[in-house]
N, C-alpha and C. Protein backbone atom coordinates (compact mmCIF):
# COMPACT_ATOMS: atom_id res chain seq x y z
N MET A 1 17.26 -13.71 6.25
CA MET A 1 16.62 -13.75 7.55
C MET A 1 17.69 -13.59 8.63
N THR A 2 17.37 -12.84 9.64
CA THR A 2 18.29 -12.63 10.75
C THR A 2 18.35 -13.87 11.61
N LYS A 3 19.55 -14.28 11.98
CA LYS A 3 19.72 -15.40 12.90
C LYS A 3 19.90 -14.85 14.30
N PHE A 4 19.17 -15.44 15.24
CA PHE A 4 19.29 -15.05 16.64
C PHE A 4 20.13 -16.08 17.37
N LYS A 5 20.97 -15.60 18.24
CA LYS A 5 21.71 -16.50 19.12
C LYS A 5 20.76 -16.95 20.21
N PRO A 6 20.96 -18.16 20.76
CA PRO A 6 20.04 -18.66 21.79
C PRO A 6 19.84 -17.69 22.95
N ARG A 7 20.86 -17.03 23.42
CA ARG A 7 20.73 -16.12 24.55
C ARG A 7 19.82 -14.94 24.20
N VAL A 8 19.90 -14.44 22.96
CA VAL A 8 19.05 -13.34 22.54
C VAL A 8 17.59 -13.78 22.52
N ILE A 9 17.33 -14.98 22.00
CA ILE A 9 15.96 -15.50 21.96
C ILE A 9 15.45 -15.66 23.38
N ASN A 10 16.28 -16.18 24.25
CA ASN A 10 15.92 -16.36 25.66
C ASN A 10 15.48 -15.03 26.27
N ILE A 11 16.24 -14.01 26.07
CA ILE A 11 15.94 -12.70 26.63
C ILE A 11 14.65 -12.15 26.03
N LEU A 12 14.47 -12.31 24.71
CA LEU A 12 13.27 -11.81 24.05
C LEU A 12 12.01 -12.49 24.55
N ILE A 13 12.03 -13.81 24.67
CA ILE A 13 10.83 -14.51 25.14
C ILE A 13 10.53 -14.15 26.59
N LEU A 14 11.55 -13.97 27.39
CA LEU A 14 11.32 -13.55 28.78
C LEU A 14 10.70 -12.16 28.84
N LEU A 15 11.21 -11.24 28.01
CA LEU A 15 10.65 -9.90 28.00
C LEU A 15 9.19 -9.90 27.59
N VAL A 16 8.89 -10.64 26.52
CA VAL A 16 7.49 -10.73 26.07
C VAL A 16 6.64 -11.33 27.18
N SER A 17 7.13 -12.38 27.81
CA SER A 17 6.37 -13.04 28.88
C SER A 17 6.11 -12.08 30.03
N PHE A 18 7.12 -11.32 30.42
CA PHE A 18 6.95 -10.41 31.54
C PHE A 18 6.00 -9.27 31.18
N PHE A 19 6.12 -8.72 29.97
CA PHE A 19 5.25 -7.61 29.58
C PHE A 19 3.80 -8.06 29.46
N THR A 20 3.55 -9.27 29.01
CA THR A 20 2.17 -9.73 28.86
C THR A 20 1.55 -10.06 30.21
N THR A 21 2.33 -10.24 31.23
CA THR A 21 1.78 -10.54 32.56
C THR A 21 2.10 -9.44 33.56
N ALA A 22 2.49 -8.27 33.08
CA ALA A 22 2.92 -7.20 33.98
C ALA A 22 1.82 -6.77 34.95
N ALA A 23 0.57 -6.92 34.56
CA ALA A 23 -0.53 -6.50 35.43
C ALA A 23 -0.78 -7.50 36.56
N PHE A 24 -0.16 -8.65 36.50
CA PHE A 24 -0.40 -9.69 37.49
C PHE A 24 0.77 -9.76 38.47
N ALA A 25 0.50 -10.37 39.63
CA ALA A 25 1.57 -10.62 40.59
C ALA A 25 2.53 -11.63 39.98
N GLU A 26 3.71 -11.75 40.59
CA GLU A 26 4.69 -12.72 40.08
C GLU A 26 4.06 -14.10 40.05
N ASN A 27 4.20 -14.77 38.93
CA ASN A 27 3.63 -16.11 38.76
C ASN A 27 4.69 -17.14 39.10
N ALA A 28 4.79 -17.45 40.38
CA ALA A 28 5.76 -18.44 40.84
C ALA A 28 5.19 -19.17 42.04
N LYS A 29 5.58 -20.42 42.17
CA LYS A 29 5.17 -21.23 43.31
C LYS A 29 6.39 -21.96 43.84
N SER A 30 6.62 -21.83 45.15
CA SER A 30 7.72 -22.55 45.79
C SER A 30 7.22 -23.86 46.35
N PHE A 31 8.04 -24.88 46.23
CA PHE A 31 7.74 -26.17 46.87
C PHE A 31 9.07 -26.86 47.14
N GLY A 32 9.28 -27.25 48.39
CA GLY A 32 10.55 -27.85 48.77
C GLY A 32 11.70 -26.93 48.39
N ASN A 33 12.71 -27.50 47.74
CA ASN A 33 13.87 -26.72 47.28
C ASN A 33 13.71 -26.24 45.84
N TYR A 34 12.47 -26.11 45.39
CA TYR A 34 12.22 -25.75 43.99
C TYR A 34 11.28 -24.56 43.90
N VAL A 35 11.37 -23.87 42.76
CA VAL A 35 10.45 -22.79 42.42
C VAL A 35 9.98 -23.04 41.00
N ILE A 36 8.67 -22.98 40.79
CA ILE A 36 8.11 -23.09 39.44
C ILE A 36 7.67 -21.69 39.02
N HIS A 37 8.13 -21.24 37.87
CA HIS A 37 7.67 -19.99 37.28
C HIS A 37 6.75 -20.36 36.13
N TYR A 38 5.63 -19.66 36.01
CA TYR A 38 4.66 -20.01 34.98
C TYR A 38 3.95 -18.76 34.46
N ASN A 39 3.51 -18.85 33.21
CA ASN A 39 2.66 -17.82 32.64
C ASN A 39 1.98 -18.36 31.38
N ALA A 40 0.95 -17.67 30.96
CA ALA A 40 0.23 -18.01 29.75
C ALA A 40 -0.07 -16.70 29.02
N PHE A 41 0.09 -16.71 27.70
CA PHE A 41 -0.09 -15.49 26.94
C PHE A 41 -0.46 -15.83 25.50
N ARG A 42 -1.03 -14.88 24.78
CA ARG A 42 -1.36 -15.09 23.38
C ARG A 42 -0.08 -15.23 22.56
N SER A 43 -0.09 -16.17 21.64
CA SER A 43 1.13 -16.44 20.87
C SER A 43 1.45 -15.34 19.87
N ASP A 44 0.48 -14.51 19.49
CA ASP A 44 0.78 -13.45 18.53
C ASP A 44 1.58 -12.31 19.15
N THR A 45 1.81 -12.37 20.47
CA THR A 45 2.68 -11.37 21.10
C THR A 45 4.16 -11.70 20.88
N LEU A 46 4.42 -12.90 20.42
CA LEU A 46 5.80 -13.30 20.10
C LEU A 46 6.18 -12.74 18.73
N THR A 47 7.44 -12.46 18.55
CA THR A 47 7.89 -12.06 17.23
C THR A 47 7.88 -13.28 16.31
N PRO A 48 7.77 -13.07 15.00
CA PRO A 48 7.81 -14.22 14.08
C PRO A 48 9.07 -15.06 14.24
N GLU A 49 10.20 -14.42 14.53
CA GLU A 49 11.47 -15.14 14.67
C GLU A 49 11.45 -16.06 15.89
N ILE A 50 10.91 -15.57 17.00
CA ILE A 50 10.84 -16.38 18.21
C ILE A 50 9.87 -17.54 18.01
N ALA A 51 8.71 -17.25 17.42
CA ALA A 51 7.72 -18.31 17.17
C ALA A 51 8.33 -19.41 16.29
N LYS A 52 9.04 -19.01 15.27
CA LYS A 52 9.68 -19.99 14.37
C LYS A 52 10.74 -20.78 15.11
N ALA A 53 11.57 -20.11 15.90
CA ALA A 53 12.65 -20.78 16.63
C ALA A 53 12.12 -21.85 17.58
N TYR A 54 10.93 -21.64 18.15
CA TYR A 54 10.35 -22.58 19.10
C TYR A 54 9.23 -23.43 18.49
N SER A 55 9.05 -23.34 17.17
CA SER A 55 8.00 -24.09 16.45
C SER A 55 6.62 -23.83 17.05
N LEU A 56 6.32 -22.56 17.29
CA LEU A 56 5.03 -22.17 17.85
C LEU A 56 4.17 -21.52 16.78
N THR A 57 2.87 -21.80 16.81
CA THR A 57 1.94 -21.14 15.90
C THR A 57 1.63 -19.77 16.47
N ARG A 58 1.77 -18.76 15.63
CA ARG A 58 1.62 -17.37 16.07
C ARG A 58 0.30 -16.83 15.54
N ARG A 59 -0.72 -16.78 16.42
CA ARG A 59 -2.05 -16.26 16.06
C ARG A 59 -2.70 -15.63 17.28
N ASN A 60 -3.67 -14.76 17.04
CA ASN A 60 -4.35 -14.12 18.16
C ASN A 60 -5.28 -15.09 18.90
N ASN A 61 -5.63 -16.23 18.28
CA ASN A 61 -6.50 -17.20 18.95
C ASN A 61 -5.74 -18.44 19.43
N ARG A 62 -4.44 -18.28 19.64
CA ARG A 62 -3.61 -19.35 20.20
C ARG A 62 -2.89 -18.80 21.42
N MET A 63 -2.77 -19.63 22.44
CA MET A 63 -2.04 -19.21 23.63
C MET A 63 -0.87 -20.15 23.86
N VAL A 64 0.08 -19.66 24.63
CA VAL A 64 1.27 -20.43 25.00
C VAL A 64 1.33 -20.47 26.52
N VAL A 65 1.59 -21.64 27.07
CA VAL A 65 1.87 -21.79 28.49
C VAL A 65 3.37 -22.03 28.61
N ASN A 66 4.02 -21.27 29.48
CA ASN A 66 5.47 -21.34 29.68
C ASN A 66 5.74 -21.72 31.13
N ILE A 67 6.44 -22.84 31.34
CA ILE A 67 6.76 -23.32 32.69
C ILE A 67 8.28 -23.49 32.80
N THR A 68 8.85 -23.04 33.89
CA THR A 68 10.26 -23.32 34.19
C THR A 68 10.33 -23.81 35.64
N VAL A 69 11.23 -24.74 35.88
CA VAL A 69 11.45 -25.27 37.23
C VAL A 69 12.90 -24.98 37.61
N GLN A 70 13.07 -24.39 38.77
CA GLN A 70 14.41 -24.06 39.25
C GLN A 70 14.62 -24.63 40.64
N GLN A 71 15.84 -25.09 40.87
CA GLN A 71 16.20 -25.62 42.19
C GLN A 71 16.91 -24.52 42.97
N LYS A 72 16.51 -24.36 44.23
CA LYS A 72 17.11 -23.35 45.09
C LYS A 72 18.34 -23.92 45.77
N ASP A 73 19.39 -23.11 45.81
CA ASP A 73 20.60 -23.45 46.54
C ASP A 73 21.04 -22.17 47.24
N GLY A 74 20.53 -21.96 48.43
CA GLY A 74 20.79 -20.70 49.12
C GLY A 74 20.04 -19.58 48.41
N ASP A 75 20.77 -18.54 48.02
CA ASP A 75 20.17 -17.41 47.30
C ASP A 75 20.21 -17.61 45.79
N VAL A 76 20.75 -18.72 45.34
CA VAL A 76 20.92 -18.97 43.91
C VAL A 76 19.91 -20.03 43.47
N THR A 77 19.39 -19.87 42.25
CA THR A 77 18.53 -20.91 41.67
C THR A 77 19.14 -21.34 40.35
N LYS A 78 18.92 -22.61 40.00
CA LYS A 78 19.42 -23.10 38.72
C LYS A 78 18.30 -23.90 38.06
N PRO A 79 18.19 -23.80 36.73
CA PRO A 79 17.14 -24.53 36.03
C PRO A 79 17.39 -26.03 36.09
N VAL A 80 16.29 -26.79 36.21
CA VAL A 80 16.39 -28.24 36.24
C VAL A 80 15.35 -28.83 35.29
N LYS A 81 15.63 -30.04 34.82
CA LYS A 81 14.67 -30.76 34.00
C LYS A 81 13.53 -31.23 34.88
N ALA A 82 12.36 -31.39 34.27
CA ALA A 82 11.19 -31.84 35.02
C ALA A 82 10.22 -32.53 34.08
N LYS A 83 9.34 -33.30 34.65
CA LYS A 83 8.24 -33.88 33.89
C LYS A 83 7.04 -32.96 34.14
N ILE A 84 6.55 -32.35 33.06
CA ILE A 84 5.45 -31.41 33.15
C ILE A 84 4.26 -31.99 32.38
N SER A 85 3.09 -31.99 33.00
CA SER A 85 1.89 -32.43 32.30
C SER A 85 0.72 -31.60 32.81
N GLY A 86 -0.37 -31.63 32.06
CA GLY A 86 -1.54 -30.91 32.52
C GLY A 86 -2.55 -30.65 31.44
N PHE A 87 -3.56 -29.90 31.85
CA PHE A 87 -4.64 -29.55 30.93
C PHE A 87 -5.22 -28.21 31.36
N ALA A 88 -6.00 -27.65 30.46
CA ALA A 88 -6.75 -26.43 30.77
C ALA A 88 -8.22 -26.74 30.52
N SER A 89 -9.08 -26.15 31.31
CA SER A 89 -10.52 -26.31 31.09
C SER A 89 -11.18 -24.94 31.09
N ASN A 90 -12.20 -24.80 30.26
CA ASN A 90 -12.90 -23.52 30.23
C ASN A 90 -14.12 -23.59 31.14
N LEU A 91 -14.89 -22.51 31.20
CA LEU A 91 -16.01 -22.43 32.14
C LEU A 91 -17.15 -23.38 31.79
N THR A 92 -17.18 -23.89 30.55
CA THR A 92 -18.21 -24.86 30.17
C THR A 92 -17.75 -26.29 30.39
N GLY A 93 -16.52 -26.46 30.90
CA GLY A 93 -16.00 -27.78 31.20
C GLY A 93 -15.24 -28.45 30.08
N GLN A 94 -15.07 -27.78 28.95
CA GLN A 94 -14.28 -28.35 27.86
C GLN A 94 -12.82 -28.45 28.29
N ILE A 95 -12.22 -29.61 28.02
CA ILE A 95 -10.83 -29.88 28.40
C ILE A 95 -9.92 -29.67 27.20
N LYS A 96 -8.80 -29.01 27.44
CA LYS A 96 -7.76 -28.82 26.43
C LYS A 96 -6.49 -29.46 26.99
N GLU A 97 -6.13 -30.61 26.44
CA GLU A 97 -4.89 -31.28 26.88
C GLU A 97 -3.70 -30.43 26.47
N LEU A 98 -2.73 -30.33 27.33
CA LEU A 98 -1.53 -29.55 27.04
C LEU A 98 -0.35 -30.50 26.86
N GLU A 99 0.28 -30.43 25.70
CA GLU A 99 1.46 -31.25 25.42
C GLU A 99 2.68 -30.34 25.51
N PHE A 100 3.44 -30.52 26.57
CA PHE A 100 4.60 -29.67 26.81
C PHE A 100 5.82 -30.22 26.08
N LYS A 101 6.56 -29.30 25.46
CA LYS A 101 7.83 -29.69 24.86
C LYS A 101 8.95 -28.97 25.60
N GLU A 102 10.03 -29.70 25.79
CA GLU A 102 11.19 -29.18 26.53
C GLU A 102 12.06 -28.38 25.58
N ILE A 103 12.40 -27.16 25.99
CA ILE A 103 13.24 -26.27 25.19
C ILE A 103 14.49 -25.94 26.01
N HIS A 104 15.64 -26.15 25.41
CA HIS A 104 16.92 -25.76 26.04
C HIS A 104 17.44 -24.53 25.33
N ASP A 105 17.77 -23.53 26.10
CA ASP A 105 18.30 -22.29 25.55
C ASP A 105 19.47 -21.87 26.44
N GLY A 106 20.67 -22.26 26.04
CA GLY A 106 21.82 -22.04 26.91
C GLY A 106 21.62 -22.89 28.15
N GLU A 107 21.69 -22.28 29.32
CA GLU A 107 21.47 -23.00 30.57
C GLU A 107 19.98 -23.07 30.94
N ALA A 108 19.15 -22.26 30.30
CA ALA A 108 17.73 -22.22 30.63
C ALA A 108 17.00 -23.44 30.07
N ILE A 109 15.97 -23.88 30.80
CA ILE A 109 15.11 -24.97 30.36
C ILE A 109 13.67 -24.49 30.49
N TYR A 110 12.93 -24.52 29.37
CA TYR A 110 11.53 -24.11 29.34
C TYR A 110 10.67 -25.29 28.94
N TYR A 111 9.44 -25.27 29.38
CA TYR A 111 8.44 -26.24 28.93
C TYR A 111 7.28 -25.43 28.37
N LEU A 112 7.03 -25.61 27.06
CA LEU A 112 6.02 -24.83 26.36
C LEU A 112 4.92 -25.72 25.82
N ALA A 113 3.68 -25.24 25.91
CA ALA A 113 2.53 -25.91 25.32
C ALA A 113 1.64 -24.85 24.70
N GLN A 114 0.87 -25.26 23.68
CA GLN A 114 -0.04 -24.34 23.01
C GLN A 114 -1.44 -24.92 22.92
N SER A 115 -2.42 -24.03 22.81
CA SER A 115 -3.80 -24.43 22.58
C SER A 115 -4.55 -23.26 21.98
N GLN A 116 -5.69 -23.57 21.36
CA GLN A 116 -6.55 -22.53 20.83
C GLN A 116 -7.36 -21.90 21.95
N VAL A 117 -7.71 -20.63 21.77
CA VAL A 117 -8.57 -19.93 22.72
C VAL A 117 -9.58 -19.10 21.94
N SER A 118 -10.70 -18.83 22.58
CA SER A 118 -11.73 -17.97 22.01
C SER A 118 -11.69 -16.63 22.72
N ASN A 119 -12.31 -15.63 22.10
CA ASN A 119 -12.35 -14.31 22.72
C ASN A 119 -13.08 -14.36 24.06
N ARG A 120 -12.48 -13.76 25.05
CA ARG A 120 -13.00 -13.68 26.42
C ARG A 120 -13.04 -15.04 27.13
N GLU A 121 -12.36 -16.04 26.59
CA GLU A 121 -12.36 -17.35 27.21
C GLU A 121 -11.45 -17.34 28.45
N THR A 122 -11.99 -17.88 29.54
CA THR A 122 -11.21 -18.04 30.77
C THR A 122 -10.82 -19.50 30.87
N LEU A 123 -9.54 -19.75 31.03
CA LEU A 123 -9.05 -21.10 31.18
C LEU A 123 -8.52 -21.31 32.59
N LYS A 124 -8.87 -22.45 33.15
CA LYS A 124 -8.33 -22.86 34.44
C LYS A 124 -7.27 -23.92 34.13
N PHE A 125 -6.04 -23.64 34.53
CA PHE A 125 -4.92 -24.54 34.25
C PHE A 125 -4.68 -25.45 35.45
N ASP A 126 -4.54 -26.73 35.18
CA ASP A 126 -4.18 -27.73 36.18
C ASP A 126 -2.92 -28.41 35.67
N ILE A 127 -1.80 -28.11 36.30
CA ILE A 127 -0.50 -28.57 35.81
C ILE A 127 0.26 -29.23 36.95
N THR A 128 0.95 -30.32 36.63
CA THR A 128 1.82 -30.97 37.60
C THR A 128 3.25 -30.90 37.11
N ALA A 129 4.17 -30.77 38.05
CA ALA A 129 5.60 -30.70 37.73
C ALA A 129 6.35 -31.59 38.71
N THR A 130 7.18 -32.48 38.15
CA THR A 130 8.02 -33.35 38.97
C THR A 130 9.47 -33.15 38.53
N PRO A 131 10.30 -32.51 39.35
CA PRO A 131 11.70 -32.33 38.98
C PRO A 131 12.39 -33.67 38.77
N ALA A 132 13.32 -33.72 37.83
CA ALA A 132 14.06 -34.95 37.53
C ALA A 132 14.70 -35.49 38.80
N GLY A 133 14.55 -36.80 39.02
CA GLY A 133 15.14 -37.45 40.18
C GLY A 133 14.36 -37.29 41.46
N GLU A 134 13.20 -36.66 41.41
CA GLU A 134 12.38 -36.43 42.61
C GLU A 134 11.09 -37.23 42.52
N THR A 135 10.50 -37.50 43.66
CA THR A 135 9.16 -38.09 43.70
C THR A 135 8.13 -37.03 44.06
N LEU A 136 8.61 -35.88 44.53
CA LEU A 136 7.76 -34.76 44.90
C LEU A 136 7.05 -34.22 43.65
N VAL A 137 5.72 -34.13 43.71
CA VAL A 137 4.93 -33.60 42.61
C VAL A 137 4.32 -32.28 43.05
N ALA A 138 4.61 -31.23 42.30
CA ALA A 138 4.02 -29.93 42.58
C ALA A 138 2.80 -29.76 41.69
N LYS A 139 1.73 -29.20 42.26
CA LYS A 139 0.52 -28.95 41.50
C LYS A 139 0.32 -27.44 41.36
N LEU A 140 0.12 -27.02 40.13
CA LEU A 140 -0.15 -25.61 39.84
C LEU A 140 -1.59 -25.48 39.38
N ASN A 141 -2.28 -24.52 39.93
CA ASN A 141 -3.63 -24.20 39.48
C ASN A 141 -3.70 -22.69 39.34
N PHE A 142 -4.06 -22.23 38.15
CA PHE A 142 -4.23 -20.80 37.94
C PHE A 142 -5.24 -20.58 36.83
N LYS A 143 -5.80 -19.37 36.80
CA LYS A 143 -6.78 -18.99 35.77
C LYS A 143 -6.24 -17.84 34.96
N GLN A 144 -6.63 -17.82 33.70
CA GLN A 144 -6.22 -16.73 32.81
C GLN A 144 -7.34 -16.50 31.80
N GLN A 145 -7.70 -15.25 31.61
CA GLN A 145 -8.68 -14.91 30.58
C GLN A 145 -7.94 -14.38 29.36
N PHE A 146 -8.42 -14.78 28.18
CA PHE A 146 -7.78 -14.38 26.93
C PHE A 146 -8.74 -13.55 26.10
N PHE A 147 -8.21 -12.54 25.43
CA PHE A 147 -8.97 -11.67 24.53
C PHE A 147 -8.35 -11.80 23.15
N THR A 148 -9.15 -12.17 22.16
CA THR A 148 -8.60 -12.42 20.82
C THR A 148 -8.96 -11.34 19.82
N ASP A 149 -9.78 -10.36 20.20
CA ASP A 149 -10.15 -9.28 19.27
C ASP A 149 -9.12 -8.19 19.25
């Protein structure tokens, strides 16, 4: 089996994330001196190596939510630790709790969660992010429709 260096995995997951959301506007929210980047995508778009490296289930009926929090310092941003929590709900009101796990990849810090999805299911995400050492809580709300066929 090929071993990937952390930086290579980082670049691959970012590329997959960007290509799966290319039709959408940039998924980022600024608050205070921070920027939250977020996206959700089907887990089967990940390569088997990336899914294994991050302990993610790779199927067409599973999605991944990816959150990163960065602190702004002038024109430069740097990743910071944060407390991330939230849930997704579908149009019938069913709640899917999201359990985020913190992933360190070099200097990058990601928060990933997974859940099952049905074909044509639209999920409304309600996520909160609190950067380490802050009392400021950012709230993210976004919708995403998933196709599993």
